[in-house]
Amino acid sequence: MITVYDYDILIIGSGAAGLSLALKTASFARVAVLSKGSLNQGATFWAQGGIAAVLDENDSVDAHIADTLDAGAGLCNEDMVRHVVEHSQQAIQWLVEQGVPFTVMSREEAGTGAASEPLNADNLKPLHLTQEGGHSHRRIIHATDATGRAIFETLLRQAQQTSGITLYENRLAVDLITRQKLGLEGNDCVGAYVYNNESRSVEVFRARFVVLASGGASKAYLYTTNPESATGDGIAMAWRAGCRVANMEFNQFHPTCLYHPHARSFLITEALRGEGATLELPAGSRFMPAFDERAELAPRDIVARAIDHEMKRLGCDCVYLNISHKPAAFIREHFPTIYARCLEFGIDITRDRIPVVPAAHYTCGGVMVDKLGRTDINHLYAIGETSCTGLHGANRMASNSLLECFVLAFGAADDIRTHIDRLPAAPEKIPDWDESRVTQSQEEVIVAHNWDELRRVMWDFVGIVRSDQRLLKARRRIQMLEHEISYHYRHYLISRDLLELRNLVQVSRLIVESALLRKESRGLHYTIDYPDLARSASDTVLTPQ
């Protein structure tokens, strides 16, 4: 007998966006939050940098907007940028109220202010601000170099103590359930089929509102800073349900991922460069000033391409990030996580250079939404990295992504609150998951092989520098992989690996198709066939057939 759960709101994803929305709606709704692994496996937990917000008296909303528009290479939605930036202080205030332990200024940094003063909505100035690439001011609020973990642990603790929120681990959504798919009138999302990875069974979650907050798709690439969970699940499910996606060609590659065979995609935060770290060639010379007047603080796409260029030019395996000229005490105080992690690999960053390479980091495109996170399907929302709001344009500016999570979560929560009393319950009868015509696969090696091949194809042909020839090669291989994976999905019992691969190959195809449509180089999409900007900027929008 299939297990059926009933909630007012089903949130697929347990990161910053999902937990924030849950906390904002738990007072008036019964909320379920799904995590496809353990709760701390999402991207939020591992985020090192911080949250961009205008708090310094020398900064301004207009300056933050201008920096974002500049980084976005002419493709940002200016109304959305202003909306998010204008709500930045509200987001920080709420996080402070939740108890997030942000780093505060020392007495010397604060002048006459006492860093030990309690933080509250009326006392934000003691927060320590740092600077990252693309920002013209110090406006990054952080918790040393483990901001994501501090935010996640605080929000999780609050959620666990809040009645009305139920957290489910080891649950991977398979597909969305819509009234249209059930043969009913209307275009409403009414729940999801969900795979329980512990019982190896599929459950039904019925809900009046469904929120996709499942992160991005950087796991499509062989080298990534993202956790294992970043397989584009929400984007793929929304596409299959009938939602448009936009700007999938813009995959941000973080310039500095620790290069070590046992490091497992450990990211070296941009804040090091904000505090004076320099990028150097193996011989010791700097190279970024030759590529951009902002040098190490240029936007990420410029820095990543510069590193890629130098590695290919010299045939070297990596370049180096050097902050050893700073006082050792300063480094250990401001970057304790990076210091400790690098030390595990025999690298003392107070004395040694850090070997780094670019790696896939952030999906700037995604499911098309409005300011309230609403998709093309009624009562289906997408927030966080799953969505495409227009904030990032062709390139995400550092630390705008966590800010977007909170602002969009707050907007979606307000919209749900407005409509929840007028919306009837989900349909009582939803068909059970039918496994009567499938068998247990004896060839799981096919899944593992296809997973590896897909990620290598994406890295080799759809990476930092592209061409039509490479993209067409990728399209042909992905089409073959899609056929094999679809056959496996239809004929054999599902598993987490198979479901993630199914989503990842679909998202990879969307990335390739979007890249082929863009006949220019803009932001994160650089092609040797069209190295110049087009005369006008336009989004790449894909619509399901």
Protein backbone atom coordinates (compact mmCIF):
# COMPACT_ATOMS: atom_id res chain seq x y z
CA MET A 1 0.00 0.00 0.00
CA ILE A 2 1.47 3.34 -1.02
CA THR A 3 2.01 5.93 1.72
CA VAL A 4 0.16 9.21 1.23
CA TYR A 5 0.97 12.42 3.09
CA ASP A 6 -1.18 15.58 3.17
CA TYR A 7 0.20 19.08 3.72
CA ASP A 8 -0.69 22.64 2.90
CA ILE A 9 2.81 23.33 1.57
CA LEU A 10 5.36 20.87 0.19
CA ILE A 11 8.89 22.29 -0.02
CA ILE A 12 11.31 20.24 -2.09
CA GLY A 13 14.74 21.20 -0.78
CA SER A 14 16.09 21.97 2.70
CA GLY A 15 18.63 24.73 2.09
CA ALA A 16 18.46 28.45 2.84
CA ALA A 17 15.51 29.12 0.53
CA GLY A 18 13.44 26.13 1.60
CA LEU A 19 13.95 26.51 5.36
CA SER A 20 13.31 30.27 5.21
CA LEU A 21 10.00 29.77 3.44
CA ALA A 22 9.05 27.03 5.91
CA LEU A 23 9.72 29.31 8.87
CA LYS A 24 7.80 32.16 7.26
CA THR A 25 4.69 30.02 6.62
CA ALA A 26 4.56 27.62 9.57
CA SER A 27 2.34 29.97 11.59
CA PHE A 28 -0.56 29.54 9.16
CA ALA A 29 0.13 26.27 7.28
CA ARG A 30 1.16 22.65 7.71
CA VAL A 31 4.56 22.44 6.00
CA ALA A 32 6.64 19.48 4.80
CA VAL A 33 10.30 19.98 3.89
CA LEU A 34 12.06 17.27 1.89
CA SER A 35 15.80 16.66 1.87
CA LYS A 36 16.99 14.02 -0.57
CA GLY A 37 19.88 13.04 1.70
CA SER A 38 20.80 14.08 5.19
CA LEU A 39 19.75 17.64 5.94
CA ASN A 40 23.28 19.08 5.75
CA GLN A 41 24.08 17.85 2.23
CA GLY A 42 22.80 20.89 0.32
CA ALA A 43 24.79 23.77 -1.12
CA THR A 44 23.87 26.20 1.69
CA PHE A 45 25.77 24.18 4.29
CA TRP A 46 29.01 24.47 2.29
CA ALA A 47 28.74 28.12 1.22
CA GLN A 48 31.78 30.00 2.51
CA GLY A 49 31.37 33.59 1.31
CA GLY A 50 28.39 35.52 2.63
CA ILE A 51 25.36 37.65 1.84
CA ALA A 52 25.52 40.90 -0.09
CA ALA A 53 23.55 43.73 1.51
CA VAL A 54 23.79 47.50 1.79
CA LEU A 55 24.64 48.26 5.43
CA ASP A 56 27.67 50.56 5.26
CA GLU A 57 26.97 54.30 5.33
CA ASN A 58 29.38 54.81 2.40
CA ASP A 59 27.50 52.25 0.29
CA SER A 60 24.12 52.65 -1.42
CA VAL A 61 21.32 50.65 -2.99
CA ASP A 62 22.08 52.29 -6.33
CA ALA A 63 25.75 51.24 -6.12
CA HIS A 64 24.77 47.62 -5.36
CA ILE A 65 22.34 47.67 -8.29
CA ALA A 66 24.96 49.14 -10.61
CA ASP A 67 27.52 46.49 -9.63
CA THR A 68 24.99 43.70 -10.18
CA LEU A 69 23.96 45.05 -13.59
CA ASP A 70 27.60 45.36 -14.61
CA ALA A 71 28.43 41.80 -13.56
CA GLY A 72 25.31 40.52 -15.33
CA ALA A 73 26.68 41.73 -18.70
CA GLY A 74 23.56 43.58 -19.81
CA LEU A 75 21.12 40.73 -19.22
CA CYS A 76 19.82 41.40 -15.71
CA ASN A 77 16.18 42.29 -15.14
CA GLU A 78 16.69 45.70 -13.56
CA ASP A 79 13.32 45.68 -11.79
CA MET A 80 14.19 42.35 -10.17
CA VAL A 81 17.66 43.57 -9.23
CA ARG A 82 16.20 46.63 -7.50
CA HIS A 83 13.55 44.49 -5.79
CA VAL A 84 16.14 42.11 -4.34
CA VAL A 85 18.67 44.76 -3.34
CA GLU A 86 16.05 46.99 -1.71
CA HIS A 87 15.03 44.06 0.48
CA SER A 88 18.60 43.14 1.47
CA GLN A 89 18.60 44.86 4.87
CA GLN A 90 15.26 43.25 5.72
CA ALA A 91 16.77 39.83 4.98
CA ILE A 92 19.80 40.47 7.21
CA GLN A 93 17.60 41.78 10.00
CA TRP A 94 15.49 38.62 9.88
CA LEU A 95 18.57 36.39 9.96
CA VAL A 96 19.98 38.29 12.92
CA GLU A 97 16.64 37.81 14.70
CA GLN A 98 16.86 34.07 14.01
CA GLY A 99 20.21 34.04 15.77
CA VAL A 100 22.71 33.63 12.90
CA PRO A 101 26.17 34.28 14.45
CA PHE A 102 27.54 36.75 11.90
CA THR A 103 31.09 38.00 12.34
CA VAL A 104 31.22 41.36 14.08
CA MET A 105 33.81 44.09 13.79
CA SER A 106 36.66 44.26 16.25
CA ARG A 107 36.92 47.32 18.47
CA GLU A 108 39.63 48.68 16.18
CA GLU A 109 37.48 48.14 13.06
CA ALA A 110 34.37 49.58 14.69
CA GLY A 111 36.19 52.67 16.00
CA THR A 112 34.34 53.57 19.17
CA GLY A 113 31.75 50.81 18.77
CA ALA A 114 31.85 47.76 21.02
CA ALA A 115 31.86 44.55 19.02
CA SER A 116 30.32 42.70 21.96
CA GLU A 117 27.04 44.63 21.75
CA PRO A 118 24.07 42.33 21.06
CA LEU A 119 22.90 42.43 17.44
CA ASN A 120 19.28 43.23 16.68
CA ALA A 121 17.16 44.83 13.96
CA ASP A 122 18.18 48.33 15.08
CA ASN A 123 21.87 47.57 15.54
CA LEU A 124 23.45 46.23 12.36
CA LYS A 125 26.57 48.38 12.14
CA PRO A 126 28.81 46.14 14.30
CA LEU A 127 28.68 43.47 11.56
CA HIS A 128 32.00 42.95 9.79
CA LEU A 129 31.77 43.56 6.05
CA THR A 130 34.14 42.14 3.46
CA GLN A 131 34.46 42.66 -0.29
CA GLU A 132 34.27 40.18 -3.17
CA GLY A 133 34.66 40.24 -6.94
CA GLY A 134 32.43 42.69 -8.80
CA HIS A 135 31.49 44.68 -5.68
CA SER A 136 32.59 48.31 -5.46
CA HIS A 137 32.12 48.42 -1.68
CA ARG A 138 32.49 46.21 1.35
CA ARG A 139 28.99 44.78 1.66
CA ILE A 140 29.41 41.04 2.31
CA ILE A 141 27.99 39.98 5.67
CA HIS A 142 29.56 36.71 6.76
CA ALA A 143 30.21 34.27 9.59
CA THR A 144 34.00 33.96 9.26
CA ASP A 145 34.46 31.73 6.18
CA ALA A 146 31.60 29.33 6.93
CA THR A 147 28.55 31.56 6.42
CA GLY A 148 26.40 28.90 4.81
CA ARG A 149 26.92 26.49 7.67
CA ALA A 150 26.10 29.16 10.27
CA ILE A 151 22.91 30.12 8.42
CA PHE A 152 21.86 26.54 7.79
CA GLU A 153 22.42 25.33 11.34
CA THR A 154 20.52 28.32 12.74
CA LEU A 155 17.54 27.93 10.41
CA LEU A 156 17.47 24.15 10.88
CA ARG A 157 17.44 24.53 14.65
CA GLN A 158 14.55 26.99 14.37
CA ALA A 159 12.65 24.67 12.02
CA GLN A 160 13.12 21.69 14.32
CA GLN A 161 11.64 23.71 17.17
CA THR A 162 8.71 25.08 15.14
CA SER A 163 5.40 23.28 15.25
CA GLY A 164 3.82 23.05 11.84
CA ILE A 165 7.09 22.05 10.09
CA THR A 166 7.89 18.40 9.41
CA LEU A 167 11.35 17.57 8.03
CA TYR A 168 11.83 14.45 5.90
CA GLU A 169 15.32 13.14 5.11
CA ASN A 170 16.28 10.74 2.31
CA ARG A 171 13.35 11.78 0.11
CA LEU A 172 13.96 12.51 -3.58
CA ALA A 173 11.04 13.90 -5.57
CA VAL A 174 10.45 11.89 -8.75
CA ASP A 175 7.88 14.04 -10.57
CA LEU A 176 5.37 16.78 -9.89
CA ILE A 177 1.65 15.94 -9.91
CA THR A 178 -0.60 18.42 -11.72
CA ARG A 179 -4.34 18.49 -12.28
CA GLN A 180 -3.63 18.37 -16.00
CA LYS A 181 -1.68 15.11 -15.63
CA LEU A 182 -4.59 13.70 -13.62
CA GLY A 183 -7.03 14.57 -16.43
CA LEU A 184 -8.71 17.27 -14.36
CA GLU A 185 -9.52 20.88 -15.23
CA GLY A 186 -6.99 23.58 -14.47
CA ASN A 187 -3.22 23.88 -14.51
CA ASP A 188 -2.48 23.48 -10.82
CA CYS A 189 0.32 21.60 -9.06
CA VAL A 190 -1.17 19.40 -6.36
CA GLY A 191 1.78 17.42 -5.06
CA ALA A 192 4.62 15.12 -6.01
CA TYR A 193 5.65 11.50 -6.22
CA VAL A 194 8.59 11.08 -3.84
CA TYR A 195 11.15 8.27 -3.62
CA ASN A 196 12.00 7.12 -0.09
CA ASN A 197 15.64 6.12 -0.31
CA GLU A 198 15.47 4.11 2.93
CA SER A 199 12.41 1.97 2.14
CA ARG A 200 13.12 1.99 -1.64
CA SER A 201 9.48 2.86 -2.25
CA VAL A 202 7.58 5.75 -3.82
CA GLU A 203 5.25 7.86 -1.68
CA VAL A 204 2.65 10.48 -2.56
CA PHE A 205 2.82 13.95 -1.02
CA ARG A 206 -0.38 15.91 -1.65
CA ALA A 207 -0.21 19.65 -1.12
CA ARG A 208 -2.07 22.83 -1.97
CA PHE A 209 1.22 24.58 -2.75
CA VAL A 210 4.49 23.08 -3.96
CA VAL A 211 7.82 24.90 -3.78
CA LEU A 212 10.94 23.85 -5.68
CA ALA A 213 14.01 24.83 -3.65
CA SER A 214 16.30 22.00 -4.69
CA GLY A 215 19.35 23.94 -5.89
CA GLY A 216 21.24 24.00 -9.15
CA ALA A 217 22.77 21.57 -11.62
CA SER A 218 26.55 21.96 -11.38
CA LYS A 219 26.93 18.22 -10.86
CA ALA A 220 26.47 18.01 -14.63
CA TYR A 221 30.18 18.85 -14.79
CA LEU A 222 33.11 16.62 -13.94
CA TYR A 223 34.69 19.22 -11.65
CA THR A 224 32.41 21.19 -9.36
CA THR A 225 32.43 22.95 -6.02
CA ASN A 226 28.89 21.69 -5.36
CA PRO A 227 27.77 18.79 -3.15
CA GLU A 228 26.58 15.50 -4.62
CA SER A 229 22.96 16.70 -4.45
CA ALA A 230 23.28 19.43 -7.14
CA THR A 231 21.71 17.39 -9.93
CA GLY A 232 19.13 19.85 -11.27
CA ASP A 233 16.14 17.94 -9.91
CA GLY A 234 13.78 20.90 -9.56
CA ILE A 235 14.62 22.30 -12.99
CA ALA A 236 14.08 18.92 -14.66
CA MET A 237 10.80 18.24 -12.85
CA ALA A 238 9.44 21.69 -13.66
CA TRP A 239 10.39 21.24 -17.33
CA ARG A 240 8.63 17.87 -17.49
CA ALA A 241 5.56 19.43 -15.85
CA GLY A 242 5.39 22.18 -18.49
CA CYS A 243 7.35 25.14 -17.10
CA ARG A 244 9.59 27.34 -19.21
CA VAL A 245 13.28 27.58 -18.36
CA ALA A 246 15.62 30.46 -19.19
CA ASN A 247 19.33 31.23 -19.58
CA MET A 248 20.54 27.71 -18.93
CA GLU A 249 23.74 28.39 -20.92
CA PHE A 250 25.08 30.57 -18.11
CA ASN A 251 26.96 28.20 -15.82
CA GLN A 252 29.26 29.98 -13.43
CA PHE A 253 32.67 28.43 -12.90
CA HIS A 254 34.20 29.43 -9.60
CA PRO A 255 37.78 30.46 -10.32
CA THR A 256 39.35 28.93 -7.23
CA CYS A 257 38.67 25.34 -6.25
CA LEU A 258 41.43 23.62 -4.25
CA TYR A 259 43.52 21.47 -6.58
CA HIS A 260 44.36 18.28 -4.72
CA PRO A 261 43.51 14.64 -5.52
CA HIS A 262 41.84 14.12 -2.15
CA ALA A 263 40.22 17.54 -1.64
CA ARG A 264 36.78 16.53 -2.99
CA SER A 265 35.83 19.84 -4.64
CA PHE A 266 36.77 22.14 -1.77
CA LEU A 267 36.07 25.77 -2.67
CA ILE A 268 38.46 28.57 -1.76
CA THR A 269 36.23 31.56 -1.08
CA GLU A 270 36.49 34.75 -3.11
CA ALA A 271 36.80 36.60 0.18
CA LEU A 272 40.51 35.69 0.24
CA ARG A 273 40.97 37.82 -2.85
CA GLY A 274 38.81 40.46 -1.23
CA GLU A 275 41.33 40.57 1.61
CA GLY A 276 44.34 40.85 -0.71
CA ALA A 277 45.18 37.35 -1.95
CA THR A 278 46.81 37.32 -5.40
CA LEU A 279 46.63 34.80 -8.23
CA GLU A 280 50.02 33.64 -9.46
CA LEU A 281 51.51 31.44 -12.15
CA PRO A 282 53.66 28.46 -11.09
CA ALA A 283 56.79 30.62 -11.47
CA GLY A 284 55.37 33.19 -9.05
CA SER A 285 54.26 36.12 -11.23
CA ARG A 286 50.77 37.65 -11.08
CA PHE A 287 48.67 37.53 -14.25
CA MET A 288 45.24 39.01 -13.52
CA PRO A 289 46.26 42.69 -14.03
CA ALA A 290 46.93 41.83 -17.69
CA PHE A 291 43.33 40.64 -18.13
CA ASP A 292 41.32 43.25 -16.21
CA GLU A 293 42.01 46.50 -14.39
CA ARG A 294 40.21 45.09 -11.34
CA ALA A 295 42.76 42.25 -11.29
CA GLU A 296 41.81 39.55 -8.74
CA LEU A 297 38.54 41.34 -7.95
CA ALA A 298 37.20 41.17 -11.51
CA PRO A 299 33.89 39.27 -11.94
CA ARG A 300 34.16 35.51 -11.78
CA ASP A 301 33.72 34.83 -15.48
CA ILE A 302 36.74 37.00 -16.30
CA VAL A 303 38.89 35.42 -13.59
CA ALA A 304 37.88 31.87 -14.53
CA ARG A 305 38.63 32.44 -18.23
CA ALA A 306 41.97 34.04 -17.38
CA ILE A 307 42.98 31.02 -15.28
CA ASP A 308 41.76 28.64 -18.00
CA HIS A 309 43.76 30.60 -20.60
CA GLU A 310 46.97 30.53 -18.57
CA MET A 311 46.67 26.83 -17.72
CA LYS A 312 46.20 25.96 -21.40
CA ARG A 313 48.96 28.34 -22.52
CA LEU A 314 51.50 26.92 -20.09
CA GLY A 315 50.19 23.36 -19.99
CA CYS A 316 50.10 23.51 -16.18
CA ASP A 317 47.67 21.65 -13.94
CA CYS A 318 46.77 24.65 -11.76
CA VAL A 319 47.62 28.20 -10.76
CA TYR A 320 48.20 29.49 -7.22
CA LEU A 321 46.41 31.74 -4.77
CA ASN A 322 48.72 33.53 -2.35
CA ILE A 323 47.68 35.29 0.86
CA SER A 324 50.86 34.47 2.80
CA HIS A 325 51.89 38.15 2.82
CA LYS A 326 49.11 38.84 5.33
CA PRO A 327 49.76 38.36 9.09
CA ALA A 328 49.31 34.73 10.12
CA ALA A 329 46.96 35.68 12.97
CA PHE A 330 44.75 37.64 10.55
CA ILE A 331 44.52 34.64 8.19
CA ARG A 332 43.67 32.17 10.94
CA GLU A 333 41.06 34.51 12.42
CA HIS A 334 39.28 35.41 9.17
CA PHE A 335 39.60 32.08 7.33
CA PRO A 336 39.67 29.34 9.97
CA THR A 337 37.83 26.76 7.85
CA ILE A 338 40.10 27.17 4.82
CA TYR A 339 43.21 27.27 7.02
CA ALA A 340 42.28 24.03 8.77
CA ARG A 341 41.15 22.24 5.61
CA CYS A 342 44.28 23.14 3.62
CA LEU A 343 46.46 22.13 6.57
CA GLU A 344 44.95 18.63 6.29
CA PHE A 345 46.59 18.42 2.85
CA GLY A 346 49.93 19.77 4.02
CA ILE A 347 49.29 23.36 2.85
CA ASP A 348 49.86 26.07 5.47
CA ILE A 349 48.22 29.08 3.86
CA THR A 350 50.02 31.45 6.23
CA ARG A 351 53.25 30.42 4.43
CA ASP A 352 52.30 28.40 1.32
CA ARG A 353 50.49 29.20 -1.89
CA ILE A 354 47.19 27.39 -2.50
CA PRO A 355 46.94 25.37 -5.76
CA VAL A 356 43.61 26.20 -7.44
CA VAL A 357 41.61 25.45 -10.61
CA PRO A 358 38.19 26.63 -11.87
CA ALA A 359 35.19 24.38 -11.22
CA ALA A 360 31.47 24.49 -12.02
CA HIS A 361 29.84 26.42 -9.23
CA TYR A 362 26.44 28.01 -9.91
CA THR A 363 23.51 27.66 -12.31
CA CYS A 364 22.44 31.20 -13.24
CA GLY A 365 19.50 30.02 -15.33
CA GLY A 366 16.58 27.90 -14.23
CA VAL A 367 12.81 27.81 -13.95
CA MET A 368 11.29 31.13 -14.99
CA VAL A 369 9.59 32.93 -12.09
CA ASP A 370 8.30 36.37 -11.12
CA LYS A 371 9.15 38.47 -8.06
CA LEU A 372 7.07 36.17 -5.85
CA GLY A 373 8.69 32.98 -7.13
CA ARG A 374 5.62 31.92 -9.13
CA THR A 375 6.15 29.62 -12.13
CA ASP A 376 4.02 28.96 -15.22
CA ILE A 377 1.99 26.38 -13.23
CA ASN A 378 -0.52 27.56 -10.65
CA HIS A 379 0.54 27.09 -7.01
CA LEU A 380 4.01 25.90 -8.04
CA TYR A 381 6.89 28.12 -6.91
CA ALA A 382 10.64 27.97 -7.56
CA ILE A 383 13.12 29.80 -5.34
CA GLY A 384 16.88 29.83 -4.89
CA GLU A 385 19.25 28.38 -7.48
CA THR A 386 16.45 26.33 -9.05
CA SER A 387 14.85 29.51 -10.36
CA CYS A 388 15.70 32.14 -12.95
CA THR A 389 14.57 35.49 -11.60
CA GLY A 390 16.63 37.76 -13.83
CA LEU A 391 18.78 38.92 -10.90
CA HIS A 392 22.00 37.34 -12.14
CA GLY A 393 21.69 37.96 -15.87
CA ALA A 394 24.65 36.44 -17.71
CA ASN A 395 26.83 36.20 -14.61
CA ARG A 396 26.08 35.97 -10.89
CA MET A 397 27.86 38.51 -8.73
CA ALA A 398 29.39 37.04 -5.59
CA SER A 399 27.09 36.66 -2.57
CA ASN A 400 23.94 37.82 -4.36
CA SER A 401 22.66 34.24 -4.46
CA LEU A 402 22.03 33.78 -0.73
CA LEU A 403 20.35 37.19 -0.68
CA GLU A 404 18.08 36.07 -3.53
CA CYS A 405 17.14 32.93 -1.55
CA PHE A 406 15.73 34.96 1.34
CA VAL A 407 14.03 37.72 -0.65
CA LEU A 408 12.26 35.26 -2.98
CA ALA A 409 11.33 32.97 -0.07
CA PHE A 410 9.76 35.92 1.77
CA GLY A 411 7.82 36.95 -1.35
CA ALA A 412 6.55 33.42 -1.99
CA ALA A 413 5.50 33.11 1.66
CA ASP A 414 3.51 36.34 1.47
CA ASP A 415 1.81 35.20 -1.73
CA ILE A 416 0.90 31.82 -0.24
CA ARG A 417 -0.48 33.53 2.86
CA THR A 418 -2.73 35.67 0.63
CA HIS A 419 -4.21 32.72 -1.24
CA ILE A 420 -4.17 29.79 1.18
CA ASP A 421 -7.64 30.34 2.63
CA ARG A 422 -9.22 30.48 -0.84
CA LEU A 423 -7.55 27.35 -2.20
CA PRO A 424 -9.23 23.94 -1.79
CA ALA A 425 -7.33 20.85 -0.70
CA ALA A 426 -5.45 18.74 -3.23
CA PRO A 427 -7.49 16.11 -5.09
CA GLU A 428 -8.28 13.21 -2.80
CA LYS A 429 -7.58 10.53 -5.40
CA ILE A 430 -4.09 10.53 -6.88
CA PRO A 431 -3.06 7.35 -8.71
CA ASP A 432 -0.58 5.09 -6.94
CA TRP A 433 2.90 4.69 -8.31
CA ASP A 434 2.75 1.69 -10.67
CA GLU A 435 5.74 -0.71 -10.55
CA SER A 436 3.87 -3.74 -11.88
CA ARG A 437 5.65 -3.73 -15.27
CA VAL A 438 9.26 -3.16 -14.17
CA THR A 439 11.94 -5.47 -12.77
CA GLN A 440 15.11 -5.21 -10.75
CA SER A 441 18.02 -4.18 -12.99
CA GLN A 442 21.00 -6.51 -13.21
CA GLU A 443 23.01 -3.86 -15.08
CA GLU A 444 23.50 -0.98 -12.63
CA VAL A 445 26.95 -0.52 -14.14
CA ILE A 446 25.15 1.19 -17.05
CA VAL A 447 23.93 3.92 -14.70
CA ALA A 448 27.42 4.46 -13.30
CA HIS A 449 28.99 4.51 -16.77
CA ASN A 450 26.42 6.94 -18.19
CA TRP A 451 26.79 9.20 -15.17
CA ASP A 452 30.55 9.43 -15.69
CA GLU A 453 30.30 9.87 -19.47
CA LEU A 454 27.72 12.65 -19.21
CA ARG A 455 29.84 14.70 -16.82
CA ARG A 456 32.96 14.28 -18.97
CA VAL A 457 31.07 15.31 -22.11
CA MET A 458 29.79 18.44 -20.37
CA TRP A 459 33.25 19.33 -19.04
CA ASP A 460 35.05 18.77 -22.35
CA PHE A 461 32.50 20.31 -24.73
CA VAL A 462 30.25 22.67 -22.71
CA GLY A 463 32.81 24.19 -20.34
CA ILE A 464 34.40 27.60 -19.83
CA VAL A 465 35.24 28.09 -23.52
CA ARG A 466 32.80 26.72 -26.14
CA SER A 467 32.33 26.37 -29.89
CA ASP A 468 29.44 25.22 -32.08
CA GLN A 469 31.42 22.13 -33.04
CA ARG A 470 31.92 21.16 -29.40
CA LEU A 471 28.28 21.87 -28.55
CA LEU A 472 27.01 19.75 -31.46
CA LYS A 473 29.24 16.88 -30.33
CA ALA A 474 27.81 17.23 -26.84
CA ARG A 475 24.24 17.27 -28.20
CA ARG A 476 24.77 14.00 -30.10
CA ARG A 477 26.26 12.21 -27.11
CA ILE A 478 23.59 13.53 -24.73
CA GLN A 479 20.81 12.38 -27.07
CA MET A 480 22.26 8.86 -27.02
CA LEU A 481 22.58 8.95 -23.25
CA GLU A 482 19.01 10.22 -22.91
CA HIS A 483 17.75 7.24 -24.91
CA GLU A 484 19.67 4.75 -22.75
CA ILE A 485 18.64 6.38 -19.49
CA SER A 486 14.99 6.64 -20.56
CA TYR A 487 14.95 2.93 -21.44
CA HIS A 488 16.44 2.09 -18.05
CA TYR A 489 13.88 4.29 -16.26
CA ARG A 490 10.92 2.69 -18.06
CA HIS A 491 11.96 -0.92 -17.60
CA TYR A 492 13.63 -1.19 -14.20
CA LEU A 493 12.97 -0.30 -10.59
CA ILE A 494 14.12 3.21 -9.81
CA SER A 495 16.97 4.18 -7.51
CA ARG A 496 18.37 7.50 -6.31
CA ASP A 497 21.28 7.25 -8.76
CA LEU A 498 18.95 6.60 -11.69
CA LEU A 499 16.57 9.43 -10.75
CA GLU A 500 19.41 11.92 -10.39
CA LEU A 501 20.96 10.80 -13.69
CA ARG A 502 17.58 11.15 -15.42
CA ASN A 503 17.33 14.73 -14.16
CA LEU A 504 20.94 15.55 -14.91
CA VAL A 505 20.86 14.39 -18.53
CA GLN A 506 17.68 16.42 -19.11
CA VAL A 507 19.20 19.56 -17.62
CA SER A 508 22.42 18.99 -19.60
CA ARG A 509 20.39 18.92 -22.79
CA LEU A 510 18.72 22.21 -21.80
CA ILE A 511 22.16 23.75 -21.21
CA VAL A 512 23.42 22.63 -24.63
CA GLU A 513 20.29 23.74 -26.50
CA SER A 514 20.43 27.15 -24.80
CA ALA A 515 24.14 27.52 -25.62
CA LEU A 516 23.54 26.70 -29.28
CA LEU A 517 20.86 29.40 -29.50
CA ARG A 518 23.15 32.17 -28.21
CA LYS A 519 25.18 33.48 -31.15
CA GLU A 520 27.42 35.79 -29.11
CA SER A 521 29.79 35.76 -26.14
CA ARG A 522 28.18 37.30 -23.07
CA GLY A 523 29.02 36.85 -19.41
CA LEU A 524 29.53 33.21 -18.55
CA HIS A 525 28.86 32.01 -22.10
CA TYR A 526 32.01 32.38 -24.15
CA THR A 527 32.26 30.85 -27.63
CA ILE A 528 35.19 31.12 -30.03
CA ASP A 529 32.74 31.17 -32.97
CA TYR A 530 31.01 34.36 -31.76
CA PRO A 531 33.52 36.22 -29.58
CA ASP A 532 31.66 39.55 -29.61
CA LEU A 533 28.52 40.85 -27.92
CA ALA A 534 25.30 40.95 -29.93
CA ARG A 535 23.83 44.39 -30.52
CA SER A 536 20.94 43.73 -28.15
CA ALA A 537 20.66 41.51 -25.10
CA SER A 538 17.88 38.95 -24.79
CA ASP A 539 17.11 35.97 -22.58
CA THR A 540 17.27 32.44 -23.93
CA VAL A 541 13.85 30.98 -23.17
CA LEU A 542 13.00 27.32 -23.79
CA THR A 543 9.37 26.16 -23.81
CA PRO A 544 8.31 22.50 -23.39
CA GLN A 545 6.60 21.05 -26.45
